[in-house]
Each structure stands twice: as C-alpha cells, then as structure tokens.
C-alpha cells in the first residue's frame, strides 16, 4: 500500500491529482468516501447493472434503433454489455463500460459492425 503524507488545511484534505490518476481516478470522476474507525478509503463510485443497461439501451437506440436486446455483466474489471439482434440468440457485438459507468468506445464493437451483423442475422431467418 502506498502512503502519502498530507496536512489537513482549513478546507479539508486535498489528494494530489497525479496520485489519484495512478489509481484510475480522473478529474470529474465520482468517488465514495468510506469513513470508519480504521481510517478513510476513497473508492470509485460503481454503477449498478440497471444504470449500465439504461445507458447501453439509450446508446443503441440512438445509433442502431430498437431492434436489439442486451445482457450486461461485470467481467474483468468492466461492465460488458452483449448486444443481440431482436429474436436472436447470436450476439452482434459488445459495448464496454468502466465500473463507474463511462462508455469505453475503443474496446467496444464498432456500431457499423453491429449493424452489419444484425442485417446478416435477419437475412438468415
């Protein structure tokens, strides 16, 4: 465990940004402070499954339409949202969100790829 010594000012405690960034916390990120007799812990605010599903469905509706279903699960430190064409059990892609609920475009399946796969599946039926 890393230690950093700080002085509490009249405004409270300020943790230097480079230190927070080493642990994946960026400016604007929401955090949870856990205060207990053993000390204070700063944790990223984690999104719940319903929040991730809502964000994923809004994103898909805006870019692909409503002919999809999803399945969200936490896996390997991220939210992985598998996207299915309606009435199909074959996935057409995956949307990735960090644990705080922010969309990660680069590791996600490109929208055009999902659109093409959905058309292929619909043509097979």
N, C-alpha and C. Protein backbone atom coordinates (compact mmCIF):
# COMPACT_ATOMS: atom_id res chain seq x y z
N UNK A 1 0.85 -1.18 0.00
CA UNK A 1 0.00 0.00 0.00
C UNK A 1 0.88 1.23 0.00
N UNK A 2 0.60 2.14 -0.88
CA UNK A 2 1.34 3.40 -0.99
C UNK A 2 0.89 4.35 0.11
N UNK A 3 1.81 5.15 0.61
CA UNK A 3 1.48 6.15 1.63
C UNK A 3 1.89 7.53 1.14
N UNK A 4 1.09 8.52 1.47
CA UNK A 4 1.40 9.92 1.15
C UNK A 4 1.05 10.74 2.40
N UNK A 5 1.95 11.60 2.79
CA UNK A 5 1.71 12.43 3.97
C UNK A 5 1.16 13.78 3.53
N UNK A 6 0.08 14.21 4.17
CA UNK A 6 -0.59 15.46 3.84
C UNK A 6 -0.91 16.20 5.13
N UNK A 7 -1.12 17.50 5.00
CA UNK A 7 -1.56 18.32 6.12
C UNK A 7 -3.00 18.74 5.83
N UNK A 8 -3.85 18.58 6.82
CA UNK A 8 -5.25 18.98 6.66
C UNK A 8 -5.35 20.48 6.85
N UNK A 9 -5.83 21.17 5.80
CA UNK A 9 -5.96 22.63 5.86
C UNK A 9 -7.36 22.98 6.38
N UNK A 10 -7.64 24.26 6.42
CA UNK A 10 -8.97 24.72 6.82
C UNK A 10 -10.05 24.29 5.84
N UNK A 11 -9.69 23.97 4.60
CA UNK A 11 -10.64 23.50 3.60
C UNK A 11 -10.78 21.98 3.60
N UNK A 12 -9.96 21.31 4.36
CA UNK A 12 -10.01 19.85 4.39
C UNK A 12 -8.74 19.24 3.83
N UNK A 13 -8.86 18.06 3.30
CA UNK A 13 -7.74 17.31 2.77
C UNK A 13 -7.79 17.33 1.25
N UNK A 14 -6.66 17.58 0.62
CA UNK A 14 -6.60 17.55 -0.85
C UNK A 14 -5.57 16.49 -1.26
N UNK A 15 -6.03 15.53 -2.07
CA UNK A 15 -5.14 14.48 -2.55
C UNK A 15 -4.63 14.93 -3.92
N UNK A 16 -3.31 14.97 -4.11
CA UNK A 16 -2.77 15.45 -5.39
C UNK A 16 -3.29 14.63 -6.58
N UNK A 17 -3.61 15.34 -7.67
CA UNK A 17 -4.17 14.70 -8.86
C UNK A 17 -3.28 13.59 -9.42
N UNK A 18 -1.96 13.78 -9.53
CA UNK A 18 -1.14 12.67 -10.08
C UNK A 18 -1.26 11.39 -9.25
N UNK A 19 -1.42 11.52 -7.96
CA UNK A 19 -1.60 10.36 -7.10
C UNK A 19 -2.94 9.69 -7.39
N UNK A 20 -4.00 10.46 -7.53
CA UNK A 20 -5.32 9.90 -7.83
C UNK A 20 -5.32 9.23 -9.21
N UNK A 21 -4.65 9.84 -10.18
CA UNK A 21 -4.60 9.28 -11.53
C UNK A 21 -3.88 7.94 -11.56
N UNK A 22 -2.89 7.76 -10.71
CA UNK A 22 -2.19 6.46 -10.65
C UNK A 22 -3.15 5.34 -10.29
N UNK A 23 -4.25 5.68 -9.65
CA UNK A 23 -5.23 4.68 -9.23
C UNK A 23 -6.51 4.75 -10.07
N UNK A 24 -6.41 5.36 -11.25
CA UNK A 24 -7.52 5.35 -12.20
C UNK A 24 -8.60 6.38 -11.97
N UNK A 25 -8.38 7.34 -11.10
CA UNK A 25 -9.38 8.38 -10.83
C UNK A 25 -8.99 9.65 -11.57
N UNK A 26 -9.89 10.12 -12.44
CA UNK A 26 -9.64 11.28 -13.28
C UNK A 26 -10.48 12.46 -12.79
N UNK A 27 -10.10 13.69 -13.18
CA UNK A 27 -10.93 14.84 -12.79
C UNK A 27 -12.37 14.65 -13.24
N UNK A 28 -13.30 14.96 -12.38
CA UNK A 28 -14.72 14.81 -12.67
C UNK A 28 -15.29 13.46 -12.27
N UNK A 29 -14.43 12.50 -11.92
CA UNK A 29 -14.92 11.17 -11.53
C UNK A 29 -15.64 11.26 -10.18
N UNK A 30 -16.67 10.47 -10.04
CA UNK A 30 -17.39 10.38 -8.78
C UNK A 30 -16.69 9.36 -7.89
N UNK A 31 -16.59 9.65 -6.61
CA UNK A 31 -15.99 8.72 -5.67
C UNK A 31 -16.89 8.56 -4.45
N UNK A 32 -16.65 7.50 -3.73
CA UNK A 32 -17.33 7.24 -2.47
C UNK A 32 -16.27 7.29 -1.38
N UNK A 33 -16.55 8.01 -0.32
CA UNK A 33 -15.66 8.04 0.84
C UNK A 33 -16.23 7.11 1.89
N UNK A 34 -15.44 6.12 2.30
CA UNK A 34 -15.85 5.24 3.39
C UNK A 34 -15.06 5.66 4.62
N UNK A 35 -15.79 6.09 5.64
CA UNK A 35 -15.15 6.54 6.87
C UNK A 35 -15.42 5.55 7.99
N UNK A 36 -14.39 5.13 8.65
CA UNK A 36 -14.53 4.18 9.74
C UNK A 36 -13.44 4.39 10.77
N UNK A 37 -13.49 3.62 11.84
CA UNK A 37 -12.51 3.78 12.90
C UNK A 37 -11.10 3.46 12.43
N UNK A 38 -10.98 2.61 11.40
CA UNK A 38 -9.65 2.23 10.90
C UNK A 38 -9.09 3.24 9.90
N UNK A 39 -9.91 4.20 9.44
CA UNK A 39 -9.41 5.21 8.51
C UNK A 39 -10.43 5.58 7.46
N UNK A 40 -9.97 6.25 6.42
CA UNK A 40 -10.81 6.71 5.32
C UNK A 40 -10.34 6.03 4.04
N UNK A 41 -11.29 5.50 3.29
CA UNK A 41 -10.99 4.90 1.99
C UNK A 41 -11.69 5.71 0.91
N UNK A 42 -11.01 5.93 -0.21
CA UNK A 42 -11.59 6.62 -1.37
C UNK A 42 -11.76 5.56 -2.45
N UNK A 43 -13.02 5.36 -2.88
CA UNK A 43 -13.33 4.33 -3.87
C UNK A 43 -14.07 4.95 -5.05
N UNK A 44 -13.85 4.41 -6.25
CA UNK A 44 -14.66 4.91 -7.37
C UNK A 44 -16.12 4.57 -7.14
N UNK A 45 -17.00 5.48 -7.52
CA UNK A 45 -18.44 5.20 -7.41
C UNK A 45 -18.79 4.19 -8.50
N UNK A 46 -19.30 3.06 -8.12
CA UNK A 46 -19.60 2.00 -9.06
C UNK A 46 -21.03 2.09 -9.55
N UNK A 47 -21.19 1.88 -10.83
CA UNK A 47 -22.52 1.89 -11.43
C UNK A 47 -23.20 0.54 -11.18
N UNK A 48 -24.50 0.55 -11.06
CA UNK A 48 -25.27 -0.67 -10.89
C UNK A 48 -25.72 -1.18 -12.25
N UNK A 49 -26.08 -2.44 -12.31
CA UNK A 49 -26.48 -3.09 -13.56
C UNK A 49 -27.60 -2.29 -14.27
N UNK A 50 -28.59 -1.83 -13.52
CA UNK A 50 -29.71 -1.10 -14.14
C UNK A 50 -29.22 0.18 -14.81
N UNK A 51 -28.27 0.87 -14.21
CA UNK A 51 -27.73 2.09 -14.79
C UNK A 51 -26.97 1.78 -16.08
N UNK A 52 -26.18 0.73 -16.08
CA UNK A 52 -25.42 0.33 -17.27
C UNK A 52 -26.38 -0.06 -18.38
N UNK A 53 -27.38 -0.87 -18.05
CA UNK A 53 -28.35 -1.30 -19.07
C UNK A 53 -29.09 -0.11 -19.66
N UNK A 54 -29.47 0.84 -18.84
CA UNK A 54 -30.17 2.02 -19.32
C UNK A 54 -29.27 2.83 -20.27
N UNK A 55 -28.02 3.03 -19.88
CA UNK A 55 -27.08 3.77 -20.74
C UNK A 55 -26.85 3.03 -22.06
N UNK A 56 -26.68 1.72 -21.99
CA UNK A 56 -26.43 0.93 -23.20
C UNK A 56 -27.64 0.99 -24.14
N UNK A 57 -28.84 0.83 -23.58
CA UNK A 57 -30.04 0.87 -24.42
C UNK A 57 -30.25 2.23 -25.07
N UNK A 58 -29.99 3.31 -24.33
CA UNK A 58 -30.11 4.65 -24.91
C UNK A 58 -29.10 4.83 -26.05
N UNK A 59 -27.87 4.37 -25.82
CA UNK A 59 -26.82 4.47 -26.84
C UNK A 59 -27.22 3.69 -28.09
N UNK A 60 -27.70 2.47 -27.91
CA UNK A 60 -28.09 1.64 -29.04
C UNK A 60 -29.31 2.19 -29.76
N UNK A 61 -30.28 2.69 -29.01
CA UNK A 61 -31.47 3.27 -29.63
C UNK A 61 -31.10 4.47 -30.51
N UNK A 62 -30.20 5.28 -30.02
CA UNK A 62 -29.77 6.47 -30.75
C UNK A 62 -29.00 6.10 -32.02
N UNK A 63 -28.20 5.01 -31.98
CA UNK A 63 -27.31 4.70 -33.09
C UNK A 63 -27.73 3.49 -33.94
N UNK A 64 -28.50 2.56 -33.36
CA UNK A 64 -28.87 1.35 -34.11
C UNK A 64 -30.37 1.15 -34.24
N UNK A 65 -31.15 1.79 -33.40
CA UNK A 65 -32.59 1.56 -33.39
C UNK A 65 -32.97 0.65 -32.25
N UNK A 66 -34.23 0.22 -32.24
CA UNK A 66 -34.74 -0.54 -31.10
C UNK A 66 -34.82 -2.04 -31.36
N UNK A 67 -34.24 -2.53 -32.42
CA UNK A 67 -34.34 -3.96 -32.75
C UNK A 67 -33.19 -4.76 -32.14
N UNK A 68 -32.85 -4.45 -30.89
CA UNK A 68 -31.78 -5.18 -30.20
C UNK A 68 -32.20 -5.49 -28.77
N UNK A 69 -31.56 -6.49 -28.20
CA UNK A 69 -31.68 -6.78 -26.77
C UNK A 69 -30.26 -6.84 -26.22
N UNK A 70 -30.15 -6.77 -24.90
CA UNK A 70 -28.82 -6.74 -24.29
C UNK A 70 -28.76 -7.65 -23.07
N UNK A 71 -27.55 -7.94 -22.67
CA UNK A 71 -27.27 -8.66 -21.43
C UNK A 71 -26.02 -8.05 -20.83
N UNK A 72 -26.13 -7.43 -19.65
CA UNK A 72 -25.00 -6.76 -19.00
C UNK A 72 -24.45 -7.63 -17.87
N UNK A 73 -23.12 -7.67 -17.77
CA UNK A 73 -22.47 -8.39 -16.68
C UNK A 73 -21.12 -7.75 -16.39
N UNK A 74 -20.68 -7.87 -15.15
CA UNK A 74 -19.34 -7.41 -14.79
C UNK A 74 -18.36 -8.53 -15.09
N UNK A 75 -17.26 -8.17 -15.74
CA UNK A 75 -16.25 -9.17 -16.07
C UNK A 75 -14.91 -8.47 -16.26
N UNK A 76 -13.88 -8.96 -15.62
CA UNK A 76 -12.52 -8.44 -15.75
C UNK A 76 -12.44 -6.93 -15.54
N UNK A 77 -13.05 -6.45 -14.48
CA UNK A 77 -12.94 -5.04 -14.11
C UNK A 77 -13.69 -4.06 -14.99
N UNK A 78 -14.71 -4.53 -15.68
CA UNK A 78 -15.51 -3.65 -16.54
C UNK A 78 -16.92 -4.21 -16.65
N UNK A 79 -17.84 -3.37 -17.13
CA UNK A 79 -19.18 -3.83 -17.49
C UNK A 79 -19.14 -4.20 -18.96
N UNK A 80 -19.54 -5.42 -19.28
CA UNK A 80 -19.58 -5.91 -20.65
C UNK A 80 -21.04 -6.12 -21.01
N UNK A 81 -21.51 -5.41 -22.02
CA UNK A 81 -22.90 -5.47 -22.44
C UNK A 81 -22.95 -6.18 -23.80
N UNK A 82 -23.41 -7.42 -23.79
CA UNK A 82 -23.55 -8.17 -25.03
C UNK A 82 -24.81 -7.70 -25.73
N UNK A 83 -24.70 -7.44 -27.03
CA UNK A 83 -25.81 -6.93 -27.82
C UNK A 83 -26.27 -8.03 -28.78
N UNK A 84 -27.59 -8.27 -28.80
CA UNK A 84 -28.19 -9.28 -29.67
C UNK A 84 -29.18 -8.61 -30.60
N UNK A 85 -29.27 -9.11 -31.84
CA UNK A 85 -30.35 -8.66 -32.72
C UNK A 85 -31.65 -9.22 -32.14
N UNK A 86 -32.73 -8.47 -32.26
CA UNK A 86 -34.02 -8.94 -31.72
C UNK A 86 -34.34 -10.34 -32.22
N UNK A 87 -34.92 -11.14 -31.36
CA UNK A 87 -35.33 -12.50 -31.69
C UNK A 87 -34.16 -13.40 -32.11
N UNK A 88 -32.96 -13.10 -31.64
CA UNK A 88 -31.80 -13.92 -31.98
C UNK A 88 -30.98 -14.17 -30.72
N UNK A 89 -30.38 -15.33 -30.65
CA UNK A 89 -29.50 -15.66 -29.54
C UNK A 89 -28.04 -15.43 -29.91
N UNK A 90 -27.81 -15.04 -31.19
CA UNK A 90 -26.44 -14.79 -31.64
C UNK A 90 -26.06 -13.35 -31.36
N UNK A 91 -24.95 -13.12 -30.63
CA UNK A 91 -24.54 -11.74 -30.35
C UNK A 91 -24.05 -11.05 -31.62
N UNK A 92 -24.32 -9.75 -31.68
CA UNK A 92 -23.82 -8.95 -32.80
C UNK A 92 -22.67 -8.04 -32.37
N UNK A 93 -22.42 -7.97 -31.07
CA UNK A 93 -21.33 -7.13 -30.60
C UNK A 93 -21.38 -6.95 -29.09
N UNK A 94 -20.52 -6.07 -28.63
CA UNK A 94 -20.40 -5.84 -27.20
C UNK A 94 -20.05 -4.38 -26.95
N UNK A 95 -20.73 -3.78 -25.98
CA UNK A 95 -20.41 -2.44 -25.50
C UNK A 95 -19.68 -2.59 -24.18
N UNK A 96 -18.63 -1.82 -23.98
CA UNK A 96 -17.83 -1.90 -22.75
C UNK A 96 -17.96 -0.59 -21.99
N UNK A 97 -18.22 -0.70 -20.69
CA UNK A 97 -18.29 0.44 -19.79
C UNK A 97 -17.34 0.18 -18.63
N UNK A 98 -16.71 1.24 -18.11
CA UNK A 98 -15.89 1.04 -16.92
C UNK A 98 -16.83 0.85 -15.72
N UNK A 99 -16.26 0.51 -14.58
CA UNK A 99 -17.08 0.21 -13.41
C UNK A 99 -17.87 1.42 -12.91
N UNK A 100 -17.42 2.62 -13.26
CA UNK A 100 -18.15 3.82 -12.88
C UNK A 100 -19.30 4.12 -13.84
N UNK A 101 -19.36 3.41 -14.98
CA UNK A 101 -20.45 3.58 -15.92
C UNK A 101 -20.13 4.42 -17.14
N UNK A 102 -18.85 4.74 -17.35
CA UNK A 102 -18.47 5.52 -18.53
C UNK A 102 -18.23 4.59 -19.72
N UNK A 103 -18.77 4.96 -20.88
CA UNK A 103 -18.65 4.17 -22.10
C UNK A 103 -17.21 4.19 -22.60
N UNK A 104 -16.70 3.01 -22.96
CA UNK A 104 -15.35 2.88 -23.49
C UNK A 104 -15.47 2.48 -24.96
N UNK A 105 -15.29 3.45 -25.83
CA UNK A 105 -15.54 3.22 -27.26
C UNK A 105 -14.52 2.28 -27.89
N UNK A 106 -13.24 2.44 -27.59
CA UNK A 106 -12.20 1.66 -28.27
C UNK A 106 -12.34 0.15 -28.11
N UNK A 107 -12.58 -0.37 -26.88
CA UNK A 107 -12.71 -1.83 -26.79
C UNK A 107 -14.09 -2.35 -27.20
N UNK A 108 -15.04 -1.46 -27.41
CA UNK A 108 -16.39 -1.86 -27.80
C UNK A 108 -16.43 -2.21 -29.29
N UNK A 109 -17.40 -3.04 -29.66
CA UNK A 109 -17.60 -3.37 -31.07
C UNK A 109 -18.10 -2.12 -31.80
N UNK A 110 -17.49 -1.77 -32.93
CA UNK A 110 -17.96 -0.59 -33.67
C UNK A 110 -19.43 -0.75 -34.07
N UNK A 111 -20.16 0.35 -34.05
CA UNK A 111 -21.58 0.34 -34.37
C UNK A 111 -21.84 -0.19 -35.78
N UNK A 112 -21.01 0.18 -36.74
CA UNK A 112 -21.21 -0.29 -38.11
C UNK A 112 -21.07 -1.82 -38.19
N UNK A 113 -20.17 -2.39 -37.41
CA UNK A 113 -20.02 -3.84 -37.37
C UNK A 113 -21.28 -4.49 -36.80
N UNK A 114 -21.82 -3.91 -35.73
CA UNK A 114 -23.06 -4.45 -35.15
C UNK A 114 -24.21 -4.34 -36.14
N UNK A 115 -24.29 -3.22 -36.84
CA UNK A 115 -25.36 -3.01 -37.81
C UNK A 115 -25.28 -4.07 -38.92
N UNK A 116 -24.07 -4.31 -39.42
CA UNK A 116 -23.87 -5.30 -40.49
C UNK A 116 -24.23 -6.70 -40.00
N UNK A 117 -23.81 -7.06 -38.81
CA UNK A 117 -24.12 -8.38 -38.26
C UNK A 117 -25.62 -8.56 -38.05
N UNK A 118 -26.30 -7.52 -37.59
CA UNK A 118 -27.75 -7.60 -37.37
C UNK A 118 -28.47 -7.85 -38.69
N UNK A 119 -28.04 -7.17 -39.74
CA UNK A 119 -28.66 -7.35 -41.06
C UNK A 119 -28.42 -8.78 -41.55
N UNK A 120 -27.21 -9.30 -41.35
CA UNK A 120 -26.90 -10.67 -41.75
C UNK A 120 -27.78 -11.67 -41.01
N UNK A 121 -27.94 -11.48 -39.71
CA UNK A 121 -28.76 -12.41 -38.91
C UNK A 121 -30.22 -12.36 -39.36
N UNK A 122 -30.71 -11.16 -39.59
CA UNK A 122 -32.11 -11.01 -40.02
C UNK A 122 -32.31 -11.66 -41.40
N UNK A 123 -31.30 -11.60 -42.26
CA UNK A 123 -31.38 -12.22 -43.57
C UNK A 123 -31.36 -13.73 -43.51
N UNK A 124 -30.71 -14.29 -42.46
CA UNK A 124 -30.65 -15.76 -42.29
C UNK A 124 -31.96 -16.33 -41.78
N UNK A 125 -32.81 -15.50 -41.23
CA UNK A 125 -34.05 -16.02 -40.61
C UNK A 125 -35.16 -16.17 -41.60
